[in-house]
């Protein structure tokens, strides 16, 4: 789960649920992970979810595209993103 959700569950204020895996100093939300976080740049390229100007409209379009290939791409992106995120958080925690 991303901090946007885990923070809600443990009472952390939304403004404090920052992404610790990049330097953008923003809330780690689905929007941030899918379109902005530098940690997932290669995954975005791999699964064709890159755009020259990511925005809320782009996020909505990606999330509402129900073609089999789009659903597979997003599913694979998220599966790999969660694995990458968990590995990186473990490295940060061990430091």
N, C-alpha and C. Protein backbone atom coordinates (compact mmCIF):
# COMPACT_ATOMS: atom_id res chain seq x y z
N UNK A 1 0.83 -1.19 0.00
CA UNK A 1 0.00 0.00 0.00
C UNK A 1 0.87 1.25 0.00
N UNK A 2 0.38 2.27 -0.64
CA UNK A 2 1.10 3.54 -0.66
C UNK A 2 0.79 4.33 0.61
N UNK A 3 1.63 5.29 0.94
CA UNK A 3 1.48 6.07 2.17
C UNK A 3 0.14 6.80 2.25
N UNK A 4 -0.45 7.12 1.10
CA UNK A 4 -1.75 7.80 1.13
C UNK A 4 -2.76 6.94 1.88
N UNK A 5 -2.65 5.62 1.76
CA UNK A 5 -3.57 4.71 2.44
C UNK A 5 -3.09 4.32 3.83
N UNK A 6 -1.83 3.93 3.96
CA UNK A 6 -1.34 3.50 5.27
C UNK A 6 -1.36 4.64 6.27
N UNK A 7 -1.10 5.85 5.80
CA UNK A 7 -1.16 7.01 6.70
C UNK A 7 -2.56 7.26 7.22
N UNK A 8 -3.54 7.03 6.37
CA UNK A 8 -4.94 7.19 6.79
C UNK A 8 -5.26 6.19 7.89
N UNK A 9 -4.75 4.98 7.75
CA UNK A 9 -5.03 3.92 8.72
C UNK A 9 -4.36 4.16 10.07
N UNK A 10 -3.20 4.83 10.08
CA UNK A 10 -2.51 5.04 11.36
C UNK A 10 -2.64 6.47 11.88
N UNK A 11 -3.50 7.29 11.25
CA UNK A 11 -3.79 8.63 11.76
C UNK A 11 -2.82 9.71 11.33
N UNK A 12 -1.95 9.44 10.36
CA UNK A 12 -1.01 10.44 9.87
C UNK A 12 -1.77 11.44 8.99
N UNK A 13 -1.60 12.72 9.26
CA UNK A 13 -2.27 13.76 8.47
C UNK A 13 -1.83 13.64 7.01
N UNK A 14 -2.75 13.90 6.09
CA UNK A 14 -2.48 13.76 4.65
C UNK A 14 -1.22 14.51 4.22
N UNK A 15 -0.99 15.69 4.75
CA UNK A 15 0.19 16.48 4.36
C UNK A 15 1.50 15.84 4.80
N UNK A 16 1.42 14.89 5.71
CA UNK A 16 2.62 14.22 6.20
C UNK A 16 2.89 12.88 5.51
N UNK A 17 2.05 12.48 4.59
CA UNK A 17 2.20 11.18 3.92
C UNK A 17 3.07 11.32 2.67
N UNK A 18 4.27 11.79 2.86
CA UNK A 18 5.18 12.10 1.76
C UNK A 18 5.83 10.85 1.18
N UNK A 19 6.12 10.91 -0.09
CA UNK A 19 6.88 9.85 -0.75
C UNK A 19 8.32 9.95 -0.27
N UNK A 20 8.81 8.89 0.31
CA UNK A 20 10.20 8.87 0.81
C UNK A 20 11.16 8.30 -0.23
N UNK A 21 10.64 8.00 -1.41
CA UNK A 21 11.46 7.35 -2.43
C UNK A 21 11.90 8.30 -3.54
N UNK A 22 11.50 9.55 -3.46
CA UNK A 22 11.95 10.55 -4.43
C UNK A 22 12.13 11.88 -3.69
N UNK A 23 12.55 12.89 -4.38
CA UNK A 23 12.84 14.18 -3.76
C UNK A 23 11.77 15.23 -4.06
N UNK A 24 10.61 14.82 -4.51
CA UNK A 24 9.58 15.78 -4.90
C UNK A 24 8.80 16.36 -3.72
N UNK A 25 8.92 15.73 -2.53
CA UNK A 25 8.29 16.22 -1.31
C UNK A 25 6.77 16.37 -1.46
N UNK A 26 6.14 15.34 -2.02
CA UNK A 26 4.69 15.35 -2.22
C UNK A 26 4.10 14.07 -1.63
N UNK A 27 2.80 14.07 -1.47
CA UNK A 27 2.07 12.91 -0.96
C UNK A 27 2.26 11.72 -1.89
N UNK A 28 2.54 10.56 -1.31
CA UNK A 28 2.68 9.34 -2.11
C UNK A 28 1.28 8.79 -2.40
N UNK A 29 0.70 9.26 -3.48
CA UNK A 29 -0.63 8.83 -3.90
C UNK A 29 -0.51 7.98 -5.15
N UNK A 30 -1.62 7.40 -5.56
CA UNK A 30 -1.65 6.62 -6.79
C UNK A 30 -1.26 7.49 -7.98
N UNK A 31 -1.75 8.72 -7.98
CA UNK A 31 -1.46 9.71 -9.02
C UNK A 31 0.06 9.95 -9.11
N UNK A 32 0.68 10.18 -7.97
CA UNK A 32 2.12 10.43 -7.92
C UNK A 32 2.91 9.22 -8.44
N UNK A 33 2.54 8.04 -7.97
CA UNK A 33 3.26 6.84 -8.36
C UNK A 33 3.11 6.56 -9.85
N UNK A 34 1.91 6.64 -10.35
CA UNK A 34 1.64 6.29 -11.74
C UNK A 34 2.23 7.28 -12.74
N UNK A 35 2.28 8.57 -12.38
CA UNK A 35 2.70 9.57 -13.37
C UNK A 35 3.96 10.36 -13.05
N UNK A 36 4.38 10.42 -11.80
CA UNK A 36 5.45 11.36 -11.46
C UNK A 36 6.69 10.79 -10.77
N UNK A 37 6.54 9.90 -9.84
CA UNK A 37 7.67 9.48 -9.01
C UNK A 37 8.83 8.98 -9.87
N UNK A 38 10.00 9.52 -9.60
CA UNK A 38 11.18 9.16 -10.40
C UNK A 38 11.58 7.70 -10.22
N UNK A 39 11.22 7.09 -9.10
CA UNK A 39 11.56 5.68 -8.87
C UNK A 39 10.95 4.77 -9.93
N UNK A 40 9.80 5.15 -10.45
CA UNK A 40 9.07 4.28 -11.37
C UNK A 40 9.19 4.70 -12.84
N UNK A 41 10.14 5.56 -13.15
CA UNK A 41 10.29 6.06 -14.52
C UNK A 41 10.48 4.94 -15.53
N UNK A 42 11.34 3.99 -15.23
CA UNK A 42 11.58 2.89 -16.17
C UNK A 42 10.33 2.02 -16.34
N UNK A 43 9.58 1.83 -15.26
CA UNK A 43 8.34 1.05 -15.37
C UNK A 43 7.31 1.78 -16.24
N UNK A 44 7.25 3.10 -16.12
CA UNK A 44 6.32 3.86 -16.97
C UNK A 44 6.68 3.68 -18.44
N UNK A 45 7.96 3.69 -18.75
CA UNK A 45 8.40 3.49 -20.12
C UNK A 45 8.07 2.07 -20.58
N UNK A 46 8.35 1.11 -19.73
CA UNK A 46 8.10 -0.30 -20.05
C UNK A 46 6.63 -0.57 -20.33
N UNK A 47 5.75 0.07 -19.58
CA UNK A 47 4.32 -0.20 -19.71
C UNK A 47 3.55 0.93 -20.39
N UNK A 48 4.26 1.75 -21.14
CA UNK A 48 3.65 2.78 -21.98
C UNK A 48 2.73 3.75 -21.24
N UNK A 49 3.06 4.10 -20.02
CA UNK A 49 2.25 5.08 -19.32
C UNK A 49 3.01 6.40 -19.15
N UNK A 50 3.88 6.68 -20.11
CA UNK A 50 4.62 7.94 -20.08
C UNK A 50 3.86 8.99 -20.87
N UNK A 51 4.08 10.21 -20.50
CA UNK A 51 3.47 11.33 -21.19
C UNK A 51 4.37 12.54 -21.02
N UNK A 52 4.38 13.42 -21.98
CA UNK A 52 5.25 14.58 -21.88
C UNK A 52 4.74 15.59 -20.85
N UNK A 53 3.44 15.54 -20.56
CA UNK A 53 2.87 16.49 -19.61
C UNK A 53 1.81 15.78 -18.77
N UNK A 54 2.25 15.01 -17.75
CA UNK A 54 1.28 14.28 -16.94
C UNK A 54 0.36 15.23 -16.18
N UNK A 55 -0.91 14.89 -16.12
CA UNK A 55 -1.87 15.72 -15.41
C UNK A 55 -3.04 14.85 -14.96
N UNK A 56 -3.97 15.44 -14.25
CA UNK A 56 -5.10 14.70 -13.72
C UNK A 56 -5.94 14.09 -14.83
N UNK A 57 -6.08 14.78 -15.95
CA UNK A 57 -6.83 14.26 -17.08
C UNK A 57 -6.17 12.98 -17.61
N UNK A 58 -4.85 12.98 -17.71
CA UNK A 58 -4.12 11.80 -18.16
C UNK A 58 -4.32 10.64 -17.19
N UNK A 59 -4.25 10.93 -15.89
CA UNK A 59 -4.46 9.91 -14.88
C UNK A 59 -5.86 9.29 -15.02
N UNK A 60 -6.86 10.14 -15.19
CA UNK A 60 -8.24 9.68 -15.37
C UNK A 60 -8.36 8.80 -16.61
N UNK A 61 -7.74 9.21 -17.70
CA UNK A 61 -7.79 8.43 -18.94
C UNK A 61 -7.13 7.06 -18.77
N UNK A 62 -5.99 7.03 -18.11
CA UNK A 62 -5.29 5.76 -17.89
C UNK A 62 -6.14 4.84 -17.03
N UNK A 63 -6.70 5.39 -15.96
CA UNK A 63 -7.45 4.56 -15.01
C UNK A 63 -8.83 4.16 -15.51
N UNK A 64 -9.33 4.81 -16.55
CA UNK A 64 -10.66 4.46 -17.05
C UNK A 64 -10.62 3.74 -18.39
N UNK A 65 -9.43 3.35 -18.83
CA UNK A 65 -9.29 2.59 -20.06
C UNK A 65 -9.40 1.10 -19.71
N UNK A 66 -10.46 0.46 -20.16
CA UNK A 66 -10.73 -0.91 -19.77
C UNK A 66 -10.38 -1.94 -20.84
N UNK A 67 -9.58 -1.56 -21.83
CA UNK A 67 -9.15 -2.56 -22.81
C UNK A 67 -8.24 -3.57 -22.10
N UNK A 68 -8.23 -4.78 -22.60
CA UNK A 68 -7.43 -5.83 -21.97
C UNK A 68 -5.96 -5.45 -21.88
N UNK A 69 -5.42 -4.88 -22.94
CA UNK A 69 -4.00 -4.52 -22.93
C UNK A 69 -3.70 -3.42 -21.92
N UNK A 70 -4.59 -2.46 -21.80
CA UNK A 70 -4.40 -1.38 -20.83
C UNK A 70 -4.48 -1.89 -19.39
N UNK A 71 -5.46 -2.72 -19.12
CA UNK A 71 -5.61 -3.30 -17.78
C UNK A 71 -4.39 -4.15 -17.45
N UNK A 72 -3.91 -4.93 -18.40
CA UNK A 72 -2.70 -5.74 -18.18
C UNK A 72 -1.49 -4.86 -17.91
N UNK A 73 -1.32 -3.79 -18.69
CA UNK A 73 -0.17 -2.89 -18.49
C UNK A 73 -0.21 -2.25 -17.11
N UNK A 74 -1.35 -1.74 -16.71
CA UNK A 74 -1.46 -1.10 -15.39
C UNK A 74 -1.26 -2.13 -14.29
N UNK A 75 -1.83 -3.30 -14.43
CA UNK A 75 -1.66 -4.36 -13.43
C UNK A 75 -0.19 -4.76 -13.29
N UNK A 76 0.48 -4.95 -14.41
CA UNK A 76 1.90 -5.31 -14.36
C UNK A 76 2.74 -4.18 -13.80
N UNK A 77 2.42 -2.95 -14.19
CA UNK A 77 3.12 -1.78 -13.64
C UNK A 77 3.00 -1.77 -12.12
N UNK A 78 1.79 -1.91 -11.62
CA UNK A 78 1.56 -1.85 -10.17
C UNK A 78 2.22 -3.01 -9.44
N UNK A 79 2.17 -4.20 -10.01
CA UNK A 79 2.83 -5.35 -9.38
C UNK A 79 4.33 -5.10 -9.24
N UNK A 80 4.95 -4.65 -10.32
CA UNK A 80 6.39 -4.38 -10.27
C UNK A 80 6.70 -3.16 -9.41
N UNK A 81 5.82 -2.17 -9.42
CA UNK A 81 6.03 -0.97 -8.60
C UNK A 81 5.99 -1.31 -7.11
N UNK A 82 5.05 -2.16 -6.70
CA UNK A 82 4.98 -2.56 -5.30
C UNK A 82 6.24 -3.32 -4.88
N UNK A 83 6.73 -4.19 -5.74
CA UNK A 83 7.96 -4.92 -5.44
C UNK A 83 9.14 -3.97 -5.33
N UNK A 84 9.27 -3.07 -6.29
CA UNK A 84 10.36 -2.10 -6.27
C UNK A 84 10.26 -1.21 -5.03
N UNK A 85 9.04 -0.76 -4.73
CA UNK A 85 8.83 0.10 -3.56
C UNK A 85 9.24 -0.61 -2.28
N UNK A 86 8.80 -1.85 -2.12
CA UNK A 86 9.14 -2.61 -0.92
C UNK A 86 10.65 -2.78 -0.78
N UNK A 87 11.32 -3.11 -1.87
CA UNK A 87 12.78 -3.25 -1.84
C UNK A 87 13.46 -1.95 -1.46
N UNK A 88 13.02 -0.83 -2.03
CA UNK A 88 13.63 0.46 -1.73
C UNK A 88 13.36 0.89 -0.29
N UNK A 89 12.16 0.65 0.21
CA UNK A 89 11.85 1.01 1.60
C UNK A 89 12.70 0.18 2.56
N UNK A 90 12.93 -1.08 2.25
CA UNK A 90 13.79 -1.91 3.07
C UNK A 90 15.22 -1.38 3.08
N UNK A 91 15.69 -0.90 1.94
CA UNK A 91 17.04 -0.33 1.87
C UNK A 91 17.11 0.95 2.69
N UNK A 92 16.11 1.81 2.58
CA UNK A 92 16.08 3.05 3.36
C UNK A 92 16.02 2.75 4.85
N UNK A 93 15.20 1.79 5.24
CA UNK A 93 15.06 1.42 6.66
C UNK A 93 16.35 0.85 7.23
N UNK A 94 17.11 0.14 6.40
CA UNK A 94 18.34 -0.47 6.87
C UNK A 94 19.47 0.56 7.01
N UNK A 95 19.33 1.71 6.38
CA UNK A 95 20.38 2.74 6.43
C UNK A 95 20.46 3.43 7.77
